[in-house]
Amino acid sequence: MKKNWLLAVFPGALALMIISLVVALFIVKILWAWTIPDLFPGAVEQGLVVKSISWLTSLKLAILVVVFAGIAGVRKDRG
């Protein structure tokens, strides 16, 4: 019975994780394109900073934010 429950929940949980990852990457891409050209217009014009980022770069930025959040202790305590 327990194995059947796990087989029923696993695909839904996996789909939810994938959807969450795609949404997070989309948010990173949108925030980059929205803020960076306004904050650094000269650097964007000179080509020092890109105007938009790729999906892979947004994944790297999301991982970096997660690492910094973990170091800063933003996670909830499990105690």
C-alpha atoms as a PDB file:
ATOM      1  CA  MET A   1       0.000   0.000   0.000  1.00  0.00           C
ATOM      2  CA  LYS A   2       2.783   2.410   0.897  1.00  0.00           C
ATOM      3  CA  LYS A   3       4.636   1.690  -2.355  1.00  0.00           C
ATOM      4  CA  ASN A   4       1.519   2.425  -4.422  1.00  0.00           C
ATOM      5  CA  TRP A   5       1.093   5.755  -2.636  1.00  0.00           C
ATOM      6  CA  LEU A   6       4.705   6.683  -3.384  1.00  0.00           C
ATOM      7  CA  LEU A   7       4.298   5.781  -7.061  1.00  0.00           C
ATOM      8  CA  ALA A   8       1.204   7.977  -7.240  1.00  0.00           C
ATOM      9  CA  VAL A   9       2.795  11.002  -5.539  1.00  0.00           C
ATOM     10  CA  PHE A  10       6.245  10.913  -7.182  1.00  0.00           C
ATOM     11  CA  PRO A  11       5.249  12.070 -10.712  1.00  0.00           C
ATOM     12  CA  GLY A  12       3.198  14.947  -9.322  1.00  0.00           C
ATOM     13  CA  ALA A  13       5.989  16.044  -6.995  1.00  0.00           C
ATOM     14  CA  LEU A  14       8.529  15.843  -9.808  1.00  0.00           C
ATOM     15  CA  ALA A  15       6.289  17.901 -12.097  1.00  0.00           C
ATOM     16  CA  LEU A  16       5.804  20.498  -9.358  1.00  0.00           C
ATOM     17  CA  MET A  17       9.565  20.758  -8.840  1.00  0.00           C
ATOM     18  CA  ILE A  18      10.196  21.206 -12.569  1.00  0.00           C
ATOM     19  CA  ILE A  19       7.477  23.844 -12.864  1.00  0.00           C
ATOM     20  CA  SER A  20       8.903  25.676  -9.840  1.00  0.00           C
ATOM     21  CA  LEU A  21      12.380  25.651 -11.391  1.00  0.00           C
ATOM     22  CA  VAL A  22      11.121  27.017 -14.712  1.00  0.00           C
ATOM     23  CA  VAL A  23       9.134  29.762 -12.961  1.00  0.00           C
ATOM     24  CA  ALA A  24      12.171  30.722 -10.856  1.00  0.00           C
ATOM     25  CA  LEU A  25      14.395  30.914 -13.944  1.00  0.00           C
ATOM     26  CA  PHE A  26      11.775  32.965 -15.769  1.00  0.00           C
ATOM     27  CA  ILE A  27      11.599  35.396 -12.839  1.00  0.00           C
ATOM     28  CA  VAL A  28      15.398  35.769 -12.807  1.00  0.00           C
ATOM     29  CA  LYS A  29      15.440  36.456 -16.566  1.00  0.00           C
ATOM     30  CA  ILE A  30      12.625  39.001 -16.344  1.00  0.00           C
ATOM     31  CA  LEU A  31      14.158  40.797 -13.358  1.00  0.00           C
ATOM     32  CA  TRP A  32      17.532  40.984 -15.106  1.00  0.00           C
ATOM     33  CA  ALA A  33      16.045  42.413 -18.309  1.00  0.00           C
ATOM     34  CA  TRP A  34      13.913  44.840 -16.305  1.00  0.00           C
ATOM     35  CA  THR A  35      16.499  46.205 -13.863  1.00  0.00           C
ATOM     36  CA  ILE A  36      20.023  45.914 -15.277  1.00  0.00           C
ATOM     37  CA  PRO A  37      19.573  48.132 -18.379  1.00  0.00           C
ATOM     38  CA  ASP A  38      18.010  50.838 -16.172  1.00  0.00           C
ATOM     39  CA  LEU A  39      20.673  50.605 -13.462  1.00  0.00           C
ATOM     40  CA  PHE A  40      23.677  50.426 -15.783  1.00  0.00           C
ATOM     41  CA  PRO A  41      22.700  52.009 -19.129  1.00  0.00           C
ATOM     42  CA  GLY A  42      26.241  53.080 -19.989  1.00  0.00           C
ATOM     43  CA  ALA A  43      27.678  49.652 -19.295  1.00  0.00           C
ATOM     44  CA  VAL A  44      24.975  48.016 -21.416  1.00  0.00           C
ATOM     45  CA  GLU A  45      25.654  50.417 -24.307  1.00  0.00           C
ATOM     46  CA  GLN A  46      29.395  49.723 -24.137  1.00  0.00           C
ATOM     47  CA  GLY A  47      28.802  45.987 -23.991  1.00  0.00           C
ATOM     48  CA  LEU A  48      30.273  45.566 -20.506  1.00  0.00           C
ATOM     49  CA  VAL A  49      26.996  44.135 -19.175  1.00  0.00           C
ATOM     50  CA  VAL A  50      24.545  42.152 -21.281  1.00  0.00           C
ATOM     51  CA  LYS A  51      20.995  43.400 -21.702  1.00  0.00           C
ATOM     52  CA  SER A  52      19.412  39.949 -21.404  1.00  0.00           C
ATOM     53  CA  ILE A  53      20.699  36.637 -20.097  1.00  0.00           C
ATOM     54  CA  SER A  54      20.341  33.046 -21.270  1.00  0.00           C
ATOM     55  CA  TRP A  55      18.464  30.294 -19.477  1.00  0.00           C
ATOM     56  CA  LEU A  56      21.746  28.726 -18.365  1.00  0.00           C
ATOM     57  CA  THR A  57      22.967  32.012 -16.920  1.00  0.00           C
ATOM     58  CA  SER A  58      19.687  32.483 -15.067  1.00  0.00           C
ATOM     59  CA  LEU A  59      20.115  28.980 -13.623  1.00  0.00           C
ATOM     60  CA  LYS A  60      23.601  29.906 -12.417  1.00  0.00           C
ATOM     61  CA  LEU A  61      22.281  33.117 -10.854  1.00  0.00           C
ATOM     62  CA  ALA A  62      19.450  31.243  -9.150  1.00  0.00           C
ATOM     63  CA  ILE A  63      21.934  28.738  -7.700  1.00  0.00           C
ATOM     64  CA  LEU A  64      24.127  31.605  -6.498  1.00  0.00           C
ATOM     65  CA  VAL A  65      21.169  33.256  -4.768  1.00  0.00           C
ATOM     66  CA  VAL A  66      20.241  29.971  -3.084  1.00  0.00           C
ATOM     67  CA  VAL A  67      23.811  29.504  -1.845  1.00  0.00           C
ATOM     68  CA  PHE A  68      23.949  33.055  -0.484  1.00  0.00           C
ATOM     69  CA  ALA A  69      20.559  32.617   1.187  1.00  0.00           C
ATOM     70  CA  GLY A  70      21.767  29.399   2.796  1.00  0.00           C
ATOM     71  CA  ILE A  71      24.930  31.051   4.063  1.00  0.00           C
ATOM     72  CA  ALA A  72      22.986  34.016   5.425  1.00  0.00           C
ATOM     73  CA  GLY A  73      20.612  31.701   7.262  1.00  0.00           C
ATOM     74  CA  VAL A  74      17.448  32.735   5.469  1.00  0.00           C
ATOM     75  CA  ARG A  75      16.182  29.161   5.659  1.00  0.00           C
ATOM     76  CA  LYS A  76      13.773  28.268   8.442  1.00  0.00           C
ATOM     77  CA  ASP A  77      15.293  26.519  11.435  1.00  0.00           C
ATOM     78  CA  ARG A  78      14.507  22.835  11.633  1.00  0.00           C
ATOM     79  CA  GLY A  79      14.783  22.646  15.397  1.00  0.00           C
END
